[in-house]
Amino acid sequence: MASWGAYSYLYGPLIAFVAVGVLVLLLRWTYRRGRSVVERPARRGGQGEYGLLVPVAEPATFAEAELIRSRLAASGVRATLAPTTDGPRVMVFGDDARVARALLRQQRG
């Protein structure tokens, strides 16, 4: 049987303390305030704060907005429902905005 020397009884607890220390450092880094890698809850923004998405419809209720979004999606236009500070908005990418508006006008008339 191989022997690790006179201090072999220290290696097990030392490895355990090092492993716990590494876990503590990783968790502190993960849950630190300000620069966390954990996703923050979404916040509502104005309709101009959604990057590449532009509003194509301004319905009064979320139910109406979901109906519009589903109609656009059925027509092949990628659309999303965004809860903005100005109310619900149906948003699409800028390249699809003209097509989406035309589909909405066509369905209205």
PDB file of N, CA and C in Angstrom:
ATOM      1  N   MET A   1       0.838  -1.177   0.000  1.00  0.00           N
ATOM      2  CA  MET A   1       0.000   0.000   0.000  1.00  0.00           C
ATOM      3  C   MET A   1       0.882   1.239   0.000  1.00  0.00           C
ATOM      4  N   ALA A   2       0.539   2.214  -0.852  1.00  0.00           N
ATOM      5  CA  ALA A   2       1.353   3.419  -0.974  1.00  0.00           C
ATOM      6  C   ALA A   2       1.033   4.384   0.158  1.00  0.00           C
ATOM      7  N   SER A   3       2.057   5.071   0.616  1.00  0.00           N
ATOM      8  CA  SER A   3       1.902   6.041   1.693  1.00  0.00           C
ATOM      9  C   SER A   3       2.181   7.435   1.149  1.00  0.00           C
ATOM     10  N   TRP A   4       1.392   8.413   1.587  1.00  0.00           N
ATOM     11  CA  TRP A   4       1.572   9.788   1.137  1.00  0.00           C
ATOM     12  C   TRP A   4       2.449  10.569   2.107  1.00  0.00           C
ATOM     13  N   GLY A   5       2.938   9.994   3.060  1.00  0.00           N
ATOM     14  CA  GLY A   5       3.793  10.667   4.016  1.00  0.00           C
ATOM     15  C   GLY A   5       3.093  10.855   5.349  1.00  0.00           C
ATOM     16  N   ALA A   6       3.781  11.552   6.233  1.00  0.00           N
ATOM     17  CA  ALA A   6       3.298  11.745   7.590  1.00  0.00           C
ATOM     18  C   ALA A   6       2.072  12.655   7.656  1.00  0.00           C
ATOM     19  N   TYR A   7       1.870  13.524   6.653  1.00  0.00           N
ATOM     20  CA  TYR A   7       0.760  14.481   6.687  1.00  0.00           C
ATOM     21  C   TYR A   7      -0.394  14.067   5.775  1.00  0.00           C
ATOM     22  N   SER A   8      -0.518  12.819   5.447  1.00  0.00           N
ATOM     23  CA  SER A   8      -1.560  12.358   4.535  1.00  0.00           C
ATOM     24  C   SER A   8      -2.967  12.579   5.092  1.00  0.00           C
ATOM     25  N   TYR A   9      -3.124  12.636   6.384  1.00  0.00           N
ATOM     26  CA  TYR A   9      -4.445  12.873   6.976  1.00  0.00           C
ATOM     27  C   TYR A   9      -4.927  14.303   6.728  1.00  0.00           C
ATOM     28  N   LEU A  10      -4.057  15.216   6.302  1.00  0.00           N
ATOM     29  CA  LEU A  10      -4.440  16.598   6.014  1.00  0.00           C
ATOM     30  C   LEU A  10      -4.938  16.798   4.578  1.00  0.00           C
ATOM     31  N   TYR A  11      -4.580  15.899   3.660  1.00  0.00           N
ATOM     32  CA  TYR A  11      -4.908  16.095   2.259  1.00  0.00           C
ATOM     33  C   TYR A  11      -6.416  16.071   1.987  1.00  0.00           C
ATOM     34  N   GLY A  12      -7.135  15.164   2.575  1.00  0.00           N
ATOM     35  CA  GLY A  12      -8.589  15.071   2.361  1.00  0.00           C
ATOM     36  C   GLY A  12      -9.318  16.336   2.778  1.00  0.00           C
ATOM     37  N   PRO A  13      -9.173  16.785   4.036  1.00  0.00           N
ATOM     38  CA  PRO A  13      -9.848  18.018   4.446  1.00  0.00           C
ATOM     39  C   PRO A  13      -9.350  19.248   3.670  1.00  0.00           C
ATOM     40  N   LEU A  14      -8.072  19.277   3.324  1.00  0.00           N
ATOM     41  CA  LEU A  14      -7.541  20.411   2.560  1.00  0.00           C
ATOM     42  C   LEU A  14      -8.197  20.492   1.187  1.00  0.00           C
ATOM     43  N   ILE A  15      -8.329  19.373   0.513  1.00  0.00           N
ATOM     44  CA  ILE A  15      -8.993  19.351  -0.793  1.00  0.00           C
ATOM     45  C   ILE A  15     -10.456  19.770  -0.658  1.00  0.00           C
ATOM     46  N   ALA A  16     -11.127  19.321   0.400  1.00  0.00           N
ATOM     47  CA  ALA A  16     -12.530  19.698   0.626  1.00  0.00           C
ATOM     48  C   ALA A  16     -12.661  21.203   0.863  1.00  0.00           C
ATOM     49  N   PHE A  17     -11.785  21.796   1.672  1.00  0.00           N
ATOM     50  CA  PHE A  17     -11.832  23.244   1.928  1.00  0.00           C
ATOM     51  C   PHE A  17     -11.534  24.039   0.660  1.00  0.00           C
ATOM     52  N   VAL A  18     -10.611  23.594  -0.148  1.00  0.00           N
ATOM     53  CA  VAL A  18     -10.305  24.289  -1.404  1.00  0.00           C
ATOM     54  C   VAL A  18     -11.512  24.225  -2.342  1.00  0.00           C
ATOM     55  N   ALA A  19     -12.163  23.061  -2.434  1.00  0.00           N
ATOM     56  CA  ALA A  19     -13.337  22.916  -3.294  1.00  0.00           C
ATOM     57  C   ALA A  19     -14.478  23.824  -2.821  1.00  0.00           C
ATOM     58  N   VAL A  20     -14.712  23.884  -1.528  1.00  0.00           N
ATOM     59  CA  VAL A  20     -15.758  24.758  -0.993  1.00  0.00           C
ATOM     60  C   VAL A  20     -15.396  26.222  -1.243  1.00  0.00           C
ATOM     61  N   GLY A  21     -14.128  26.569  -1.100  1.00  0.00           N
ATOM     62  CA  GLY A  21     -13.689  27.938  -1.355  1.00  0.00           C
ATOM     63  C   GLY A  21     -13.914  28.348  -2.799  1.00  0.00           C
ATOM     64  N   VAL A  22     -13.616  27.444  -3.736  1.00  0.00           N
ATOM     65  CA  VAL A  22     -13.842  27.738  -5.150  1.00  0.00           C
ATOM     66  C   VAL A  22     -15.331  27.922  -5.417  1.00  0.00           C
ATOM     67  N   LEU A  23     -16.167  27.074  -4.836  1.00  0.00           N
ATOM     68  CA  LEU A  23     -17.617  27.220  -5.004  1.00  0.00           C
ATOM     69  C   LEU A  23     -18.120  28.536  -4.428  1.00  0.00           C
ATOM     70  N   VAL A  24     -17.605  28.932  -3.270  1.00  0.00           N
ATOM     71  CA  VAL A  24     -18.010  30.206  -2.668  1.00  0.00           C
ATOM     72  C   VAL A  24     -17.643  31.364  -3.584  1.00  0.00           C
ATOM     73  N   LEU A  25     -16.445  31.353  -4.125  1.00  0.00           N
ATOM     74  CA  LEU A  25     -16.020  32.426  -5.037  1.00  0.00           C
ATOM     75  C   LEU A  25     -16.880  32.463  -6.297  1.00  0.00           C
ATOM     76  N   LEU A  26     -17.177  31.305  -6.863  1.00  0.00           N
ATOM     77  CA  LEU A  26     -18.027  31.272  -8.051  1.00  0.00           C
ATOM     78  C   LEU A  26     -19.429  31.788  -7.766  1.00  0.00           C
ATOM     79  N   LEU A  27     -20.005  31.397  -6.635  1.00  0.00           N
ATOM     80  CA  LEU A  27     -21.348  31.868  -6.294  1.00  0.00           C
ATOM     81  C   LEU A  27     -21.371  33.351  -5.978  1.00  0.00           C
ATOM     82  N   ARG A  28     -20.343  33.849  -5.316  1.00  0.00           N
ATOM     83  CA  ARG A  28     -20.284  35.293  -5.057  1.00  0.00           C
ATOM     84  C   ARG A  28     -20.201  36.064  -6.361  1.00  0.00           C
ATOM     85  N   TRP A  29     -19.417  35.556  -7.308  1.00  0.00           N
ATOM     86  CA  TRP A  29     -19.284  36.207  -8.608  1.00  0.00           C
ATOM     87  C   TRP A  29     -20.605  36.144  -9.381  1.00  0.00           C
ATOM     88  N   THR A  30     -21.306  35.020  -9.293  1.00  0.00           N
ATOM     89  CA  THR A  30     -22.551  34.841 -10.031  1.00  0.00           C
ATOM     90  C   THR A  30     -23.661  35.738  -9.506  1.00  0.00           C
ATOM     91  N   TYR A  31     -23.798  35.856  -8.201  1.00  0.00           N
ATOM     92  CA  TYR A  31     -24.916  36.595  -7.611  1.00  0.00           C
ATOM     93  C   TYR A  31     -24.554  37.996  -7.132  1.00  0.00           C
ATOM     94  N   ARG A  32     -23.422  38.507  -7.533  1.00  0.00           N
ATOM     95  CA  ARG A  32     -23.012  39.854  -7.151  1.00  0.00           C
ATOM     96  C   ARG A  32     -23.943  40.887  -7.782  1.00  0.00           C
ATOM     97  N   ARG A  33     -24.235  41.962  -7.091  1.00  0.00           N
ATOM     98  CA  ARG A  33     -25.112  43.011  -7.598  1.00  0.00           C
ATOM     99  C   ARG A  33     -24.400  43.804  -8.680  1.00  0.00           C
ATOM    100  N   GLY A  34     -25.174  44.217  -9.685  1.00  0.00           N
ATOM    101  CA  GLY A  34     -24.642  45.099 -10.711  1.00  0.00           C
ATOM    102  C   GLY A  34     -24.176  44.386 -11.959  1.00  0.00           C
ATOM    103  N   ARG A  35     -23.316  43.405 -11.834  1.00  0.00           N
ATOM    104  CA  ARG A  35     -22.773  42.743 -13.011  1.00  0.00           C
ATOM    105  C   ARG A  35     -23.014  41.245 -12.939  1.00  0.00           C
ATOM    106  N   SER A  36     -24.197  40.845 -12.638  1.00  0.00           N
ATOM    107  CA  SER A  36     -24.515  39.435 -12.460  1.00  0.00           C
ATOM    108  C   SER A  36     -24.644  38.735 -13.810  1.00  0.00           C
ATOM    109  N   VAL A  37     -24.276  37.471 -13.861  1.00  0.00           N
ATOM    110  CA  VAL A  37     -24.481  36.685 -15.066  1.00  0.00           C
ATOM    111  C   VAL A  37     -25.867  36.054 -15.074  1.00  0.00           C
ATOM    112  N   VAL A  38     -26.608  36.221 -13.998  1.00  0.00           N
ATOM    113  CA  VAL A  38     -27.968  35.719 -13.908  1.00  0.00           C
ATOM    114  C   VAL A  38     -28.887  36.773 -14.532  1.00  0.00           C
ATOM    115  N   GLU A  39     -29.820  36.328 -15.355  1.00  0.00           N
ATOM    116  CA  GLU A  39     -30.694  37.252 -16.058  1.00  0.00           C
ATOM    117  C   GLU A  39     -31.564  38.043 -15.088  1.00  0.00           C
ATOM    118  N   ARG A  40     -31.648  39.331 -15.328  1.00  0.00           N
ATOM    119  CA  ARG A  40     -32.498  40.199 -14.503  1.00  0.00           C
ATOM    120  C   ARG A  40     -33.932  40.161 -15.025  1.00  0.00           C
ATOM    121  N   PRO A  41     -34.886  40.500 -14.185  1.00  0.00           N
ATOM    122  CA  PRO A  41     -36.265  40.571 -14.666  1.00  0.00           C
ATOM    123  C   PRO A  41     -36.390  41.637 -15.754  1.00  0.00           C
ATOM    124  N   ALA A  42     -37.226  41.363 -16.740  1.00  0.00           N
ATOM    125  CA  ALA A  42     -37.419  42.316 -17.832  1.00  0.00           C
ATOM    126  C   ALA A  42     -38.096  43.575 -17.309  1.00  0.00           C
ATOM    127  N   ARG A  43     -37.718  44.700 -17.854  1.00  0.00           N
ATOM    128  CA  ARG A  43     -38.361  45.960 -17.484  1.00  0.00           C
ATOM    129  C   ARG A  43     -39.034  46.531 -18.718  1.00  0.00           C
ATOM    130  N   ARG A  44     -40.084  47.276 -18.511  1.00  0.00           N
ATOM    131  CA  ARG A  44     -40.790  47.892 -19.626  1.00  0.00           C
ATOM    132  C   ARG A  44     -40.026  49.118 -20.084  1.00  0.00           C
ATOM    133  N   GLY A  45     -39.974  49.300 -21.372  1.00  0.00           N
ATOM    134  CA  GLY A  45     -39.331  50.467 -21.952  1.00  0.00           C
ATOM    135  C   GLY A  45     -40.287  51.153 -22.900  1.00  0.00           C
ATOM    136  N   GLY A  46     -39.859  52.293 -23.406  1.00  0.00           N
ATOM    137  CA  GLY A  46     -40.649  52.986 -24.417  1.00  0.00           C
ATOM    138  C   GLY A  46     -40.578  52.214 -25.723  1.00  0.00           C
ATOM    139  N   GLN A  47     -41.462  52.535 -26.657  1.00  0.00           N
ATOM    140  CA  GLN A  47     -41.504  51.770 -27.894  1.00  0.00           C
ATOM    141  C   GLN A  47     -40.261  51.961 -28.745  1.00  0.00           C
ATOM    142  N   GLY A  48     -39.434  52.947 -28.465  1.00  0.00           N
ATOM    143  CA  GLY A  48     -38.193  53.148 -29.194  1.00  0.00           C
ATOM    144  C   GLY A  48     -37.004  52.449 -28.575  1.00  0.00           C
ATOM    145  N   GLU A  49     -37.205  51.717 -27.484  1.00  0.00           N
ATOM    146  CA  GLU A  49     -36.106  51.075 -26.767  1.00  0.00           C
ATOM    147  C   GLU A  49     -36.018  49.573 -27.008  1.00  0.00           C
ATOM    148  N   TYR A  50     -36.506  49.103 -28.144  1.00  0.00           N
ATOM    149  CA  TYR A  50     -36.522  47.673 -28.399  1.00  0.00           C
ATOM    150  C   TYR A  50     -35.571  47.281 -29.532  1.00  0.00           C
ATOM    151  N   GLY A  51     -34.510  48.023 -29.707  1.00  0.00           N
ATOM    152  CA  GLY A  51     -33.470  47.667 -30.667  1.00  0.00           C
ATOM    153  C   GLY A  51     -33.957  47.677 -32.097  1.00  0.00           C
ATOM    154  N   LEU A  52     -33.875  46.545 -32.770  1.00  0.00           N
ATOM    155  CA  LEU A  52     -34.228  46.433 -34.182  1.00  0.00           C
ATOM    156  C   LEU A  52     -35.728  46.315 -34.412  1.00  0.00           C
ATOM    157  N   LEU A  53     -36.505  46.185 -33.345  1.00  0.00           N
ATOM    158  CA  LEU A  53     -37.950  46.041 -33.487  1.00  0.00           C
ATOM    159  C   LEU A  53     -38.627  47.401 -33.608  1.00  0.00           C
ATOM    160  N   VAL A  54     -39.613  47.482 -34.502  1.00  0.00           N
ATOM    161  CA  VAL A  54     -40.382  48.718 -34.680  1.00  0.00           C
ATOM    162  C   VAL A  54     -41.864  48.386 -34.498  1.00  0.00           C
ATOM    163  N   PRO A  55     -42.629  49.320 -33.920  1.00  0.00           N
ATOM    164  CA  PRO A  55     -44.056  49.050 -33.711  1.00  0.00           C
ATOM    165  C   PRO A  55     -44.830  49.157 -35.020  1.00  0.00           C
ATOM    166  N   VAL A  56     -45.748  48.221 -35.241  1.00  0.00           N
ATOM    167  CA  VAL A  56     -46.616  48.270 -36.421  1.00  0.00           C
ATOM    168  C   VAL A  56     -48.083  48.378 -36.028  1.00  0.00           C
ATOM    169  N   ALA A  57     -48.407  48.118 -34.772  1.00  0.00           N
ATOM    170  CA  ALA A  57     -49.785  48.241 -34.304  1.00  0.00           C
ATOM    171  C   ALA A  57     -49.777  48.684 -32.851  1.00  0.00           C
ATOM    172  N   GLU A  58     -50.782  49.520 -32.517  1.00  0.00           N
ATOM    173  CA  GLU A  58     -50.925  50.037 -31.152  1.00  0.00           C
ATOM    174  C   GLU A  58     -52.311  49.686 -30.625  1.00  0.00           C
ATOM    175  N   PRO A  59     -52.565  48.422 -30.333  1.00  0.00           N
ATOM    176  CA  PRO A  59     -53.898  48.023 -29.857  1.00  0.00           C
ATOM    177  C   PRO A  59     -54.156  48.516 -28.429  1.00  0.00           C
ATOM    178  N   ALA A  60     -55.416  48.518 -28.066  1.00  0.00           N
ATOM    179  CA  ALA A  60     -55.805  49.009 -26.746  1.00  0.00           C
ATOM    180  C   ALA A  60     -55.564  47.984 -25.650  1.00  0.00           C
ATOM    181  N   THR A  61     -55.702  46.705 -25.975  1.00  0.00           N
ATOM    182  CA  THR A  61     -55.575  45.655 -24.960  1.00  0.00           C
ATOM    183  C   THR A  61     -54.554  44.610 -25.409  1.00  0.00           C
ATOM    184  N   PHE A  62     -54.085  43.832 -24.435  1.00  0.00           N
ATOM    185  CA  PHE A  62     -53.139  42.768 -24.740  1.00  0.00           C
ATOM    186  C   PHE A  62     -53.801  41.643 -25.529  1.00  0.00           C
ATOM    187  N   ALA A  63     -55.085  41.415 -25.306  1.00  0.00           N
ATOM    188  CA  ALA A  63     -55.801  40.371 -26.051  1.00  0.00           C
ATOM    189  C   ALA A  63     -55.867  40.721 -27.536  1.00  0.00           C
ATOM    190  N   GLU A  64     -56.198  41.978 -27.815  1.00  0.00           N
ATOM    191  CA  GLU A  64     -56.236  42.439 -29.206  1.00  0.00           C
ATOM    192  C   GLU A  64     -54.836  42.381 -29.836  1.00  0.00           C
ATOM    193  N   ALA A  65     -53.837  42.728 -29.063  1.00  0.00           N
ATOM    194  CA  ALA A  65     -52.459  42.683 -29.557  1.00  0.00           C
ATOM    195  C   ALA A  65     -52.042  41.252 -29.886  1.00  0.00           C
ATOM    196  N   GLU A  66     -52.448  40.301 -29.067  1.00  0.00           N
ATOM    197  CA  GLU A  66     -52.113  38.895 -29.325  1.00  0.00           C
ATOM    198  C   GLU A  66     -52.805  38.388 -30.588  1.00  0.00           C
ATOM    199  N   LEU A  67     -54.026  38.822 -30.834  1.00  0.00           N
ATOM    200  CA  LEU A  67     -54.719  38.442 -32.070  1.00  0.00           C
ATOM    201  C   LEU A  67     -53.986  38.981 -33.294  1.00  0.00           C
ATOM    202  N   ILE A  68     -53.557  40.226 -33.227  1.00  0.00           N
ATOM    203  CA  ILE A  68     -52.816  40.834 -34.338  1.00  0.00           C
ATOM    204  C   ILE A  68     -51.496  40.108 -34.544  1.00  0.00           C
ATOM    205  N   ARG A  69     -50.808  39.807 -33.456  1.00  0.00           N
ATOM    206  CA  ARG A  69     -49.520  39.117 -33.553  1.00  0.00           C
ATOM    207  C   ARG A  69     -49.679  37.738 -34.177  1.00  0.00           C
ATOM    208  N   SER A  70     -50.735  37.030 -33.770  1.00  0.00           N
ATOM    209  CA  SER A  70     -50.942  35.687 -34.311  1.00  0.00           C
ATOM    210  C   SER A  70     -51.319  35.738 -35.793  1.00  0.00           C
ATOM    211  N   ARG A  71     -52.078  36.767 -36.224  1.00  0.00           N
ATOM    212  CA  ARG A  71     -52.398  36.926 -37.646  1.00  0.00           C
ATOM    213  C   ARG A  71     -51.136  37.186 -38.463  1.00  0.00           C
ATOM    214  N   LEU A  72     -50.257  38.030 -37.945  1.00  0.00           N
ATOM    215  CA  LEU A  72     -49.002  38.303 -38.652  1.00  0.00           C
ATOM    216  C   LEU A  72     -48.135  37.049 -38.716  1.00  0.00           C
ATOM    217  N   ALA A  73     -48.068  36.314 -37.623  1.00  0.00           N
ATOM    218  CA  ALA A  73     -47.264  35.088 -37.598  1.00  0.00           C
ATOM    219  C   ALA A  73     -47.822  34.058 -38.573  1.00  0.00           C
ATOM    220  N   ALA A  74     -49.152  33.969 -38.694  1.00  0.00           N
ATOM    221  CA  ALA A  74     -49.763  33.039 -39.640  1.00  0.00           C
ATOM    222  C   ALA A  74     -49.457  33.422 -41.080  1.00  0.00           C
ATOM    223  N   SER A  75     -49.201  34.703 -41.321  1.00  0.00           N
ATOM    224  CA  SER A  75     -48.851  35.177 -42.664  1.00  0.00           C
ATOM    225  C   SER A  75     -47.362  35.083 -42.942  1.00  0.00           C
ATOM    226  N   GLY A  76     -46.587  34.613 -41.970  1.00  0.00           N
ATOM    227  CA  GLY A  76     -45.154  34.437 -42.177  1.00  0.00           C
ATOM    228  C   GLY A  76     -44.295  35.594 -41.724  1.00  0.00           C
ATOM    229  N   VAL A  77     -44.879  36.565 -41.034  1.00  0.00           N
ATOM    230  CA  VAL A  77     -44.115  37.712 -40.525  1.00  0.00           C
ATOM    231  C   VAL A  77     -43.767  37.446 -39.061  1.00  0.00           C
ATOM    232  N   ARG A  78     -42.491  37.528 -38.723  1.00  0.00           N
ATOM    233  CA  ARG A  78     -42.086  37.338 -37.321  1.00  0.00           C
ATOM    234  C   ARG A  78     -42.505  38.566 -36.525  1.00  0.00           C
ATOM    235  N   ALA A  79     -43.369  38.382 -35.566  1.00  0.00           N
ATOM    236  CA  ALA A  79     -43.896  39.486 -34.767  1.00  0.00           C
ATOM    237  C   ALA A  79     -43.852  39.111 -33.297  1.00  0.00           C
ATOM    238  N   THR A  80     -43.777  40.136 -32.457  1.00  0.00           N
ATOM    239  CA  THR A  80     -43.776  39.912 -31.019  1.00  0.00           C
ATOM    240  C   THR A  80     -44.657  40.951 -30.348  1.00  0.00           C
ATOM    241  N   LEU A  81     -45.150  40.601 -29.188  1.00  0.00           N
ATOM    242  CA  LEU A  81     -45.973  41.499 -28.379  1.00  0.00           C
ATOM    243  C   LEU A  81     -45.084  42.084 -27.296  1.00  0.00           C
ATOM    244  N   ALA A  82     -44.961  43.399 -27.268  1.00  0.00           N
ATOM    245  CA  ALA A  82     -44.091  44.059 -26.303  1.00  0.00           C
ATOM    246  C   ALA A  82     -44.917  44.925 -25.356  1.00  0.00           C
ATOM    247  N   PRO A  83     -44.785  44.707 -24.049  1.00  0.00           N
ATOM    248  CA  PRO A  83     -45.476  45.567 -23.082  1.00  0.00           C
ATOM    249  C   PRO A  83     -44.652  46.824 -22.835  1.00  0.00           C
ATOM    250  N   THR A  84     -44.894  47.886 -23.575  1.00  0.00           N
ATOM    251  CA  THR A  84     -44.125  49.120 -23.438  1.00  0.00           C
ATOM    252  C   THR A  84     -44.755  50.026 -22.386  1.00  0.00           C
ATOM    253  N   THR A  85     -44.066  51.093 -22.053  1.00  0.00           N
ATOM    254  CA  THR A  85     -44.615  52.069 -21.109  1.00  0.00           C
ATOM    255  C   THR A  85     -45.781  52.831 -21.727  1.00  0.00           C
ATOM    256  N   ASP A  86     -45.913  52.776 -23.054  1.00  0.00           N
ATOM    257  CA  ASP A  86     -47.011  53.445 -23.757  1.00  0.00           C
ATOM    258  C   ASP A  86     -48.196  52.515 -23.982  1.00  0.00           C
ATOM    259  N   GLY A  87     -48.103  51.286 -23.481  1.00  0.00           N
ATOM    260  CA  GLY A  87     -49.154  50.301 -23.679  1.00  0.00           C
ATOM    261  C   GLY A  87     -48.646  49.161 -24.549  1.00  0.00           C
ATOM    262  N   PRO A  88     -49.498  48.191 -24.838  1.00  0.00           N
ATOM    263  CA  PRO A  88     -49.046  47.048 -25.641  1.00  0.00           C
ATOM    264  C   PRO A  88     -48.768  47.467 -27.080  1.00  0.00           C
ATOM    265  N   ARG A  89     -47.705  46.909 -27.655  1.00  0.00           N
ATOM    266  CA  ARG A  89     -47.341  47.184 -29.033  1.00  0.00           C
ATOM    267  C   ARG A  89     -47.001  45.876 -29.733  1.00  0.00           C
ATOM    268  N   VAL A  90     -47.432  45.748 -30.964  1.00  0.00           N
ATOM    269  CA  VAL A  90     -47.024  44.621 -31.800  1.00  0.00           C
ATOM    270  C   VAL A  90     -45.818  45.107 -32.585  1.00  0.00           C
ATOM    271  N   MET A  91     -44.701  44.382 -32.435  1.00  0.00           N
ATOM    272  CA  MET A  91     -43.443  44.836 -33.021  1.00  0.00           C
ATOM    273  C   MET A  91     -42.900  43.792 -33.982  1.00  0.00           C
ATOM    274  N   VAL A  92     -42.266  44.283 -35.043  1.00  0.00           N
ATOM    275  CA  VAL A  92     -41.609  43.426 -36.028  1.00  0.00           C
ATOM    276  C   VAL A  92     -40.239  44.020 -36.328  1.00  0.00           C
ATOM    277  N   PHE A  93     -39.407  43.242 -37.019  1.00  0.00           N
ATOM    278  CA  PHE A  93     -38.124  43.766 -37.446  1.00  0.00           C
ATOM    279  C   PHE A  93     -38.351  44.819 -38.524  1.00  0.00           C
ATOM    280  N   GLY A  94     -37.442  45.782 -38.604  1.00  0.00           N
ATOM    281  CA  GLY A  94     -37.579  46.894 -39.532  1.00  0.00           C
ATOM    282  C   GLY A  94     -37.774  46.466 -40.977  1.00  0.00           C
ATOM    283  N   ASP A  95     -37.120  45.383 -41.386  1.00  0.00           N
ATOM    284  CA  ASP A  95     -37.256  44.902 -42.765  1.00  0.00           C
ATOM    285  C   ASP A  95     -38.660  44.383 -43.051  1.00  0.00           C
ATOM    286  N   ASP A  96     -39.355  43.907 -42.054  1.00  0.00           N
ATOM    287  CA  ASP A  96     -40.702  43.345 -42.225  1.00  0.00           C
ATOM    288  C   ASP A  96     -41.814  44.349 -41.952  1.00  0.00           C
ATOM    289  N   ALA A  97     -41.474  45.574 -41.570  1.00  0.00           N
ATOM    290  CA  ALA A  97     -42.489  46.542 -41.145  1.00  0.00           C
ATOM    291  C   ALA A  97     -43.454  46.897 -42.270  1.00  0.00           C
ATOM    292  N   ARG A  98     -42.940  47.134 -43.474  1.00  0.00           N
ATOM    293  CA  ARG A  98     -43.800  47.535 -44.584  1.00  0.00           C
ATOM    294  C   ARG A  98     -44.785  46.406 -44.924  1.00  0.00           C
ATOM    295  N   VAL A  99     -44.303  45.174 -44.951  1.00  0.00           N
ATOM    296  CA  VAL A  99     -45.155  44.018 -45.246  1.00  0.00           C
ATOM    297  C   VAL A  99     -46.199  43.846 -44.147  1.00  0.00           C
ATOM    298  N   ALA A 100     -45.796  43.994 -42.890  1.00  0.00           N
ATOM    299  CA  ALA A 100     -46.726  43.824 -41.769  1.00  0.00           C
ATOM    300  C   ALA A 100     -47.816  44.883 -41.806  1.00  0.00           C
ATOM    301  N   ARG A 101     -47.452  46.128 -42.066  1.00  0.00           N
ATOM    302  CA  ARG A 101     -48.463  47.190 -42.134  1.00  0.00           C
ATOM    303  C   ARG A 101     -49.442  46.954 -43.287  1.00  0.00           C
ATOM    304  N   ALA A 102     -48.927  46.480 -44.429  1.00  0.00           N
ATOM    305  CA  ALA A 102     -49.792  46.186 -45.554  1.00  0.00           C
ATOM    306  C   ALA A 102     -50.767  45.051 -45.224  1.00  0.00           C
ATOM    307  N   LEU A 103     -50.274  44.024 -44.546  1.00  0.00           N
ATOM    308  CA  LEU A 103     -51.155  42.917 -44.132  1.00  0.00           C
ATOM    309  C   LEU A 103     -52.227  43.403 -43.167  1.00  0.00           C
ATOM    310  N   LEU A 104     -51.858  44.269 -42.239  1.00  0.00           N
ATOM    311  CA  LEU A 104     -52.831  44.779 -41.270  1.00  0.00           C
ATOM    312  C   LEU A 104     -53.883  45.656 -41.945  1.00  0.00           C
ATOM    313  N   ARG A 105     -53.472  46.493 -42.906  1.00  0.00           N
ATOM    314  CA  ARG A 105     -54.436  47.317 -43.645  1.00  0.00           C
ATOM    315  C   ARG A 105     -55.377  46.432 -44.449  1.00  0.00           C
ATOM    316  N   GLN A 106     -54.815  45.391 -45.073  1.00  0.00           N
ATOM    317  CA  GLN A 106     -55.609  44.492 -45.896  1.00  0.00           C
ATOM    318  C   GLN A 106     -56.640  43.739 -45.054  1.00  0.00           C
ATOM    319  N   GLN A 107     -56.246  43.323 -43.867  1.00  0.00           N
ATOM    320  CA  GLN A 107     -57.156  42.560 -43.001  1.00  0.00           C
ATOM    321  C   GLN A 107     -58.223  43.471 -42.408  1.00  0.00           C
ATOM    322  N   ARG A 108     -57.898  44.759 -42.214  1.00  0.00           N
ATOM    323  CA  ARG A 108     -58.861  45.696 -41.657  1.00  0.00           C
ATOM    324  C   ARG A 108     -59.946  46.045 -42.672  1.00  0.00           C
ATOM    325  N   GLY A 109     -59.536  46.174 -43.913  1.00  0.00           N
ATOM    326  CA  GLY A 109     -60.455  46.658 -44.951  1.00  0.00           C
ATOM    327  C   GLY A 109     -61.214  45.636 -45.662  1.00  0.00           C
TER     328      GLY A 109
END
